[in-house]
Protein backbone atom coordinates (compact mmCIF):
# COMPACT_ATOMS: atom_id res chain seq x y z
CA MET A 1 3.37 -24.34 6.80
CA ARG A 2 4.46 -21.47 9.07
CA GLU A 3 2.64 -19.92 12.00
CA ALA A 4 2.99 -16.20 12.62
CA PHE A 5 1.03 -13.83 14.84
CA GLY A 6 -1.81 -16.29 15.23
CA GLU A 7 -2.20 -17.20 11.54
CA ARG A 8 -0.82 -19.92 9.28
CA PHE A 9 0.97 -19.27 6.00
CA ASP A 10 1.95 -21.74 3.29
CA VAL A 11 5.06 -19.74 2.44
CA PRO A 12 8.36 -21.36 1.37
CA ILE A 13 11.74 -20.61 2.88
CA GLY A 14 13.37 -17.79 0.97
CA TYR A 15 10.22 -15.92 -0.05
CA LEU A 16 11.33 -12.30 0.36
CA ASN A 17 9.15 -10.57 -2.21
CA THR A 18 6.21 -9.19 -0.23
CA ALA A 19 6.95 -5.73 -1.61
CA SER A 20 5.82 -7.18 -4.96
CA ILE A 21 3.06 -9.53 -3.83
CA GLY A 22 2.17 -10.71 -0.35
CA ILE A 23 1.33 -14.29 0.62
CA PRO A 24 -2.17 -14.74 2.09
CA SER A 25 -2.80 -16.54 5.31
CA VAL A 26 -4.78 -19.78 5.21
CA THR A 27 -7.76 -17.82 6.55
CA VAL A 28 -7.60 -15.25 3.75
CA ALA A 29 -7.05 -17.82 1.01
CA ASP A 30 -9.92 -19.94 2.33
CA ALA A 31 -12.26 -16.93 2.47
CA VAL A 32 -11.59 -16.15 -1.18
CA ALA A 33 -11.87 -19.81 -2.19
CA GLU A 34 -15.23 -20.10 -0.43
CA ALA A 35 -16.48 -16.97 -2.21
CA VAL A 36 -15.45 -18.41 -5.56
CA ALA A 37 -17.13 -21.71 -4.68
CA GLU A 38 -20.41 -19.90 -3.93
CA TRP A 39 -20.19 -17.99 -7.19
CA ARG A 40 -19.47 -21.20 -9.10
CA VAL A 41 -22.78 -22.77 -8.09
CA GLY A 42 -24.96 -19.67 -8.27
CA ALA A 43 -25.15 -19.17 -4.51
CA ALA A 44 -23.55 -15.71 -4.48
CA ARG A 45 -25.71 -12.59 -4.10
CA PRO A 46 -24.17 -9.17 -4.86
CA PRO A 47 -25.41 -7.41 -1.69
CA GLN A 48 -23.57 -9.96 0.48
CA TYR A 49 -20.25 -8.37 -0.46
CA ASP A 50 -21.24 -5.02 1.08
CA ARG A 51 -20.18 -6.25 4.49
CA ASP A 52 -16.71 -7.12 3.18
CA VAL A 53 -16.34 -3.69 1.57
CA ALA A 54 -17.36 -2.04 4.84
CA ALA A 55 -15.12 -4.26 6.97
CA ALA A 56 -12.07 -3.71 4.76
CA ARG A 57 -12.67 0.04 4.67
CA ALA A 58 -12.90 0.25 8.46
CA ALA A 59 -9.88 -1.96 9.09
CA TRP A 60 -7.69 -0.11 6.58
CA ALA A 61 -8.71 3.15 8.28
CA ARG A 62 -7.45 1.72 11.58
CA LEU A 63 -4.19 0.60 9.98
CA VAL A 64 -3.34 4.10 8.73
CA GLY A 65 -4.90 5.98 11.65
CA VAL A 66 -7.83 7.79 10.03
CA SER A 67 -11.60 7.83 10.51
CA THR A 68 -13.64 5.36 8.48
CA GLU A 69 -16.06 7.99 7.15
CA HIS A 70 -13.15 9.75 5.47
CA VAL A 71 -12.16 6.66 3.43
CA ALA A 72 -13.16 5.87 -0.15
CA SER A 73 -12.85 2.36 -1.56
CA GLY A 74 -11.43 1.73 -5.03
CA ALA A 75 -9.47 -0.77 -7.06
CA SER A 76 -5.92 0.60 -7.42
CA VAL A 77 -3.67 3.33 -6.09
CA SER A 78 -3.33 5.06 -9.44
CA GLN A 79 -7.11 5.21 -9.90
CA LEU A 80 -7.52 6.93 -6.54
CA VAL A 81 -4.52 9.25 -6.93
CA GLY A 82 -5.99 10.12 -10.32
CA LEU A 83 -9.10 11.52 -8.64
CA VAL A 84 -6.91 13.85 -6.60
CA ALA A 85 -4.71 14.79 -9.56
CA ALA A 86 -7.67 15.57 -11.81
CA SER A 87 -9.10 17.83 -9.12
CA VAL A 88 -6.10 20.00 -8.16
CA PRO A 89 -6.19 23.58 -9.48
CA ASP A 90 -4.53 24.48 -12.77
CA GLY A 91 -0.87 25.29 -12.26
CA THR A 92 -0.46 23.20 -9.11
CA ARG A 93 3.20 22.55 -8.30
CA VAL A 94 3.68 18.99 -7.09
CA LEU A 95 6.86 17.83 -5.36
CA THR A 96 8.04 14.24 -5.19
CA VAL A 97 11.24 12.20 -4.99
CA GLY A 98 13.13 10.82 -7.96
CA SER A 99 12.62 7.18 -7.01
CA GLU A 100 8.88 7.48 -6.48
CA PHE A 101 6.55 4.77 -7.72
CA THR A 102 4.84 6.00 -10.87
CA SER A 103 1.32 5.21 -9.67
CA VAL A 104 1.84 8.25 -7.43
CA THR A 105 3.44 10.55 -10.02
CA PHE A 106 1.93 9.63 -13.40
CA PRO A 107 -1.61 10.77 -12.46
CA PHE A 108 -0.24 14.26 -11.78
CA ALA A 109 2.12 14.25 -14.77
CA VAL A 110 -0.76 13.69 -17.21
CA GLN A 111 -2.31 16.92 -15.97
CA GLY A 112 0.50 18.89 -17.62
CA LYS A 113 -1.84 20.51 -20.13
CA ARG A 114 -3.46 22.31 -17.20
CA GLY A 115 -0.12 23.65 -16.08
CA VAL A 116 0.31 21.06 -13.32
CA THR A 117 4.03 20.40 -12.84
CA VAL A 118 5.75 17.53 -11.04
CA THR A 119 9.26 18.13 -9.72
CA GLU A 120 11.50 15.25 -8.67
CA VAL A 121 14.24 15.82 -6.11
CA PRO A 122 16.61 13.47 -4.27
CA HIS A 123 15.02 11.95 -1.19
CA GLU A 124 17.36 13.83 1.13
CA ARG A 125 16.32 17.19 -0.38
CA LEU A 126 12.56 16.72 -0.17
CA LEU A 127 12.05 18.83 2.94
CA ASP A 128 14.31 21.58 1.60
CA GLU A 129 12.10 22.05 -1.47
CA VAL A 130 8.66 21.84 0.12
CA ALA A 131 8.14 25.60 0.53
CA ARG A 132 8.28 26.14 -3.24
CA HIS A 133 5.46 23.72 -3.97
CA ASP A 134 1.72 23.38 -3.44
CA LEU A 135 1.49 19.64 -2.80
CA VAL A 136 3.88 16.88 -1.79
CA ALA A 137 3.11 13.43 -3.24
CA VAL A 138 5.33 10.72 -1.80
CA SER A 139 5.30 7.19 -0.44
CA VAL A 140 5.70 6.66 3.29
CA VAL A 141 8.15 3.87 2.42
CA GLN A 142 9.83 3.78 -0.95
CA SER A 143 9.14 0.71 -3.08
CA ALA A 144 12.61 0.64 -4.63
CA ASP A 145 14.77 0.61 -1.51
CA GLY A 146 12.69 0.97 1.66
CA ARG A 147 13.67 4.55 2.43
CA THR A 148 11.14 6.12 4.81
CA VAL A 149 9.99 9.71 4.64
CA ASP A 150 10.36 11.83 7.79
CA LEU A 151 6.65 12.10 8.54
CA ASP A 152 6.99 14.42 11.52
CA ALA A 153 9.16 16.87 9.59
CA LEU A 154 6.86 16.72 6.57
CA ARG A 155 3.83 17.39 8.74
CA ALA A 156 5.57 20.36 10.36
CA THR A 157 5.94 22.11 6.98
CA GLY A 158 2.19 22.69 6.78
CA THR A 159 2.19 21.99 3.04
CA PRO A 160 -0.62 19.77 1.72
CA VAL A 161 0.51 16.15 1.43
CA LEU A 162 -0.56 13.01 -0.42
CA LEU A 163 0.97 9.87 1.11
CA ASP A 164 1.05 6.42 -0.44
CA ALA A 165 1.03 3.91 2.43
CA THR A 166 1.08 0.79 0.24
CA GLN A 167 4.61 -0.25 1.27
CA ALA A 168 4.06 0.68 4.92
CA ALA A 169 0.57 -0.29 6.10
CA GLY A 170 0.60 -3.79 7.51
CA TRP A 171 4.05 -3.74 9.09
CA LEU A 172 4.60 -0.15 10.22
CA PRO A 173 2.45 1.56 12.89
CA LEU A 174 0.86 4.61 11.28
CA SER A 175 -1.13 7.64 12.40
CA LEU A 176 -1.75 9.66 9.25
CA ASP A 177 -4.92 11.61 10.02
CA TRP A 178 -2.93 14.83 9.56
CA ALA A 179 -2.22 14.14 5.87
CA ASP A 180 -4.56 15.63 3.28
CA TYR A 181 -4.74 12.39 1.29
CA VAL A 182 -3.61 8.84 2.09
CA VAL A 183 -3.78 5.99 -0.42
CA GLY A 184 -2.93 2.32 -0.23
CA GLY A 185 -3.32 -0.97 -2.05
CA SER A 186 -4.25 -4.42 -0.80
CA TYR A 187 -1.94 -6.96 -2.38
CA LYS A 188 1.44 -6.42 -0.79
CA TRP A 189 1.86 -6.08 2.99
CA LEU A 190 -1.90 -6.45 3.52
CA VAL A 191 -1.65 -9.97 2.03
CA ALA A 192 -4.97 -9.69 0.19
CA PRO A 193 -5.79 -10.15 -3.50
CA ARG A 194 -5.02 -7.37 -5.94
CA GLY A 195 -8.08 -5.27 -6.75
CA ALA A 196 -8.81 -3.33 -3.55
CA ALA A 197 -7.43 0.08 -2.62
CA TRP A 198 -8.43 2.98 -0.41
CA LEU A 199 -8.17 6.77 -0.29
CA ALA A 200 -8.52 8.79 2.90
CA VAL A 201 -9.40 12.47 2.46
CA ARG A 202 -8.87 14.79 5.40
CA PRO A 203 -12.00 16.89 6.07
CA THR A 204 -10.07 20.16 5.67
CA ALA A 205 -8.49 19.07 2.36
CA ALA A 206 -9.84 20.04 -1.03
CA ALA A 207 -12.37 17.32 -1.86
CA PRO A 208 -11.59 15.44 -5.09
CA VAL A 209 -14.25 15.50 -7.79
CA PRO A 210 -15.84 12.02 -8.09
CA HIS A 211 -14.93 11.64 -11.76
CA ALA A 212 -15.69 7.91 -11.57
CA ALA A 213 -19.15 8.47 -10.06
CA ASN A 214 -21.16 5.27 -10.23
CA TRP A 215 -24.02 3.41 -8.59
CA TYR A 216 -21.88 2.21 -5.68
CA ALA A 217 -21.00 5.80 -4.77
CA ALA A 218 -24.66 6.61 -4.17
CA GLU A 219 -25.96 7.35 -0.69
CA ASP A 220 -27.85 4.05 -0.92
CA PRO A 221 -26.09 1.99 -3.60
CA TRP A 222 -28.98 -0.42 -4.13
CA GLU A 223 -31.38 2.48 -4.64
CA GLY A 224 -28.96 4.29 -6.93
CA VAL A 225 -28.70 1.89 -9.83
CA TYR A 226 -31.10 3.61 -12.25
CA GLY A 227 -31.95 7.12 -13.32
CA LEU A 228 -31.20 10.66 -12.24
CA PRO A 229 -30.93 12.88 -10.26
CA LEU A 230 -27.34 12.53 -9.04
CA ARG A 231 -27.45 11.28 -5.47
CA LEU A 232 -23.97 10.54 -4.19
CA ALA A 233 -23.04 9.72 -0.62
CA ALA A 234 -22.42 12.67 1.65
CA ASP A 235 -19.07 11.35 2.88
CA ALA A 236 -15.97 9.86 1.21
CA ARG A 237 -18.07 7.03 -0.20
CA ALA A 238 -18.99 9.46 -2.99
CA LEU A 239 -15.56 8.56 -4.40
CA ASP A 240 -16.14 4.80 -4.23
CA LEU A 241 -15.60 2.56 -7.22
CA SER A 242 -17.86 -0.42 -7.76
CA PRO A 243 -16.03 -3.09 -5.76
CA VAL A 244 -14.01 -6.02 -7.04
CA TRP A 245 -15.89 -8.51 -4.93
CA PHE A 246 -13.39 -11.31 -4.36
CA SER A 247 -10.63 -8.82 -3.64
CA GLN A 248 -12.80 -7.20 -0.99
CA VAL A 249 -13.56 -10.60 0.56
CA GLY A 250 -9.84 -11.25 0.97
CA ALA A 251 -9.12 -7.70 2.08
CA ALA A 252 -11.76 -7.84 4.79
CA ALA A 253 -10.24 -11.02 6.23
CA SER A 254 -6.65 -9.78 6.10
CA THR A 255 -7.06 -6.16 7.19
CA GLU A 256 -9.28 -6.97 10.16
CA TRP A 257 -6.64 -9.40 11.40
CA LEU A 258 -3.74 -7.01 10.80
CA ALA A 259 -5.55 -4.10 12.42
CA GLY A 260 -5.89 -6.17 15.59
CA LEU A 261 -2.16 -6.88 15.90
CA ASP A 262 0.48 -5.00 17.87
CA LEU A 263 2.09 -3.40 14.83
CA ALA A 264 5.07 -2.26 16.87
CA ARG A 265 5.86 -5.96 17.38
CA VAL A 266 5.30 -6.63 13.69
CA ARG A 267 7.64 -3.78 12.78
CA ASP A 268 10.33 -4.97 15.17
CA HIS A 269 10.08 -8.50 13.76
CA CYS A 270 10.32 -7.43 10.11
CA VAL A 271 12.99 -4.80 10.64
CA GLY A 272 15.01 -7.11 12.86
CA LEU A 273 15.28 -9.71 10.11
CA ALA A 274 16.12 -7.15 7.44
CA ASP A 275 18.72 -5.40 9.58
CA THR A 276 20.33 -8.72 10.47
CA VAL A 277 21.01 -9.35 6.78
CA LEU A 278 22.53 -5.90 6.39
CA ALA A 279 24.66 -6.21 9.52
CA GLU A 280 26.02 -9.63 8.50
CA LEU A 281 26.92 -8.18 5.12
CA GLY A 282 28.80 -5.32 6.80
CA GLN A 283 26.27 -2.67 5.82
CA PRO A 284 24.48 -0.07 7.99
CA ARG A 285 21.15 -1.07 9.44
CA ALA A 286 18.27 0.57 7.55
CA GLY A 287 15.42 0.26 10.03
CA ALA A 288 12.94 -0.84 7.36
CA ALA A 289 11.30 -4.06 6.20
CA ILE A 290 12.61 -3.46 2.66
CA ILE A 291 16.31 -3.50 1.87
CA SER A 292 18.21 -2.96 -1.37
CA LEU A 293 21.48 -4.73 -2.16
CA GLU A 294 24.02 -4.09 -4.89
CA LEU A 295 24.96 -7.60 -5.95
CA SER A 296 27.06 -9.10 -8.71
CA ALA A 297 25.46 -11.26 -11.38
CA ASP A 298 27.04 -14.29 -9.70
CA GLN A 299 25.52 -13.37 -6.33
CA VAL A 300 22.09 -12.89 -7.87
CA GLU A 301 22.35 -16.30 -9.51
CA ARG A 302 23.36 -17.86 -6.20
CA LEU A 303 20.30 -16.35 -4.53
CA ASN A 304 18.10 -17.74 -7.29
CA GLN A 305 19.65 -21.18 -7.02
CA ALA A 306 19.11 -21.13 -3.27
CA GLY A 307 15.40 -20.53 -3.79
CA VAL A 308 15.41 -16.92 -2.58
CA VAL A 309 12.55 -15.02 -4.20
CA SER A 310 13.43 -11.34 -4.56
CA ALA A 311 12.96 -8.55 -7.08
CA VAL A 312 15.19 -6.23 -9.06
CA ARG A 313 14.32 -2.57 -8.61
CA ALA A 314 16.38 0.41 -9.78
CA GLY A 315 19.19 -1.97 -10.77
CA ARG A 316 19.55 -3.49 -7.31
CA THR A 317 18.23 -6.60 -5.59
CA ARG A 318 15.31 -5.87 -3.29
CA LEU A 319 14.48 -8.11 -0.34
CA SER A 320 11.35 -7.55 1.74
CA PHE A 321 10.60 -9.18 5.10
CA HIS A 322 7.07 -9.60 6.42
CA LEU A 323 5.64 -11.10 9.57
CA TYR A 324 5.69 -14.63 8.13
CA ASN A 325 9.44 -14.53 7.48
CA THR A 326 11.87 -16.08 9.96
CA GLU A 327 15.57 -16.53 10.69
CA ASP A 328 15.48 -19.40 8.19
CA ASP A 329 15.02 -16.84 5.42
CA VAL A 330 17.92 -14.79 6.74
CA ASP A 331 20.13 -17.87 6.83
CA ARG A 332 19.11 -18.77 3.28
CA VAL A 333 20.20 -15.33 2.02
CA LEU A 334 23.44 -15.21 3.95
CA GLY A 335 24.33 -18.75 2.98
CA ALA A 336 23.85 -17.96 -0.70
CA LEU A 337 25.93 -14.79 -0.45
CA ALA A 338 28.75 -16.24 1.63
CA SER A 339 32.17 -15.78 0.04
CA ARG A 340 33.44 -18.71 -2.03
């Protein structure tokens, strides 16, 4: 059992795969287990989960630096990006980077019959191409290799932007209220169960059409379960999806805790571990919690044998360091990769 930033985590040495799936704290895991236990014996009541939905929404808003009333609650990043993509005008020219996670790009690509185009460029050319496009859709931190977009420069272009904060929120301090749309999922750096996600819509941005309109998007959800007329919420809740209850229970516990931390300290901790690995391997420091290594098959096998949990992305080995990782994890990696 490890202790980190006031919480306890049952995470083994060598777990460096948060960019795929985060490890919950004891508090988060217990909250979900208690919710399941209530459900098991018929003690659960659907309205009780409303407080978790509200708490997770508000805490995620704090983590990305937006106002709570501008945040919609859903189940996955692609579902929420899809609302934006289905609502952009015909012929919209979308710009992204070639390594972008497809939950950001596929929702726009399927709008091709309406003349919506998606152009991929190398990461280093993104800012050069912005002026020729109507919308930029890009992750704050790239899933494949941890590359971080220049947010200040992107903001200065004045072009509408959709940002995916999934690989950033939870370890990187963020203030994204300037972006037209911000999305994020729960199950990586937010160390909550999969099944919760959020979309922030800037008040001056084109409002997405609530194509998934449902009872929970009503002004009063519990008075909106039967019959017409349409009566959606007046704010971003009109885009809400009926919540995945247990995911929201875990997300409420984890995001409220994370939102109360000094995220600059969290960033320095995570980046310090990642950069130490790079420096010891003779590579430039990356300044991110995600690093990507080109390793031989033998090196990959040695990592596996040493109990290092990583992922292969874009043909390279990806290591991701969160707040529960320590120097022991660094030593485990470096020991496995030491020359023989």
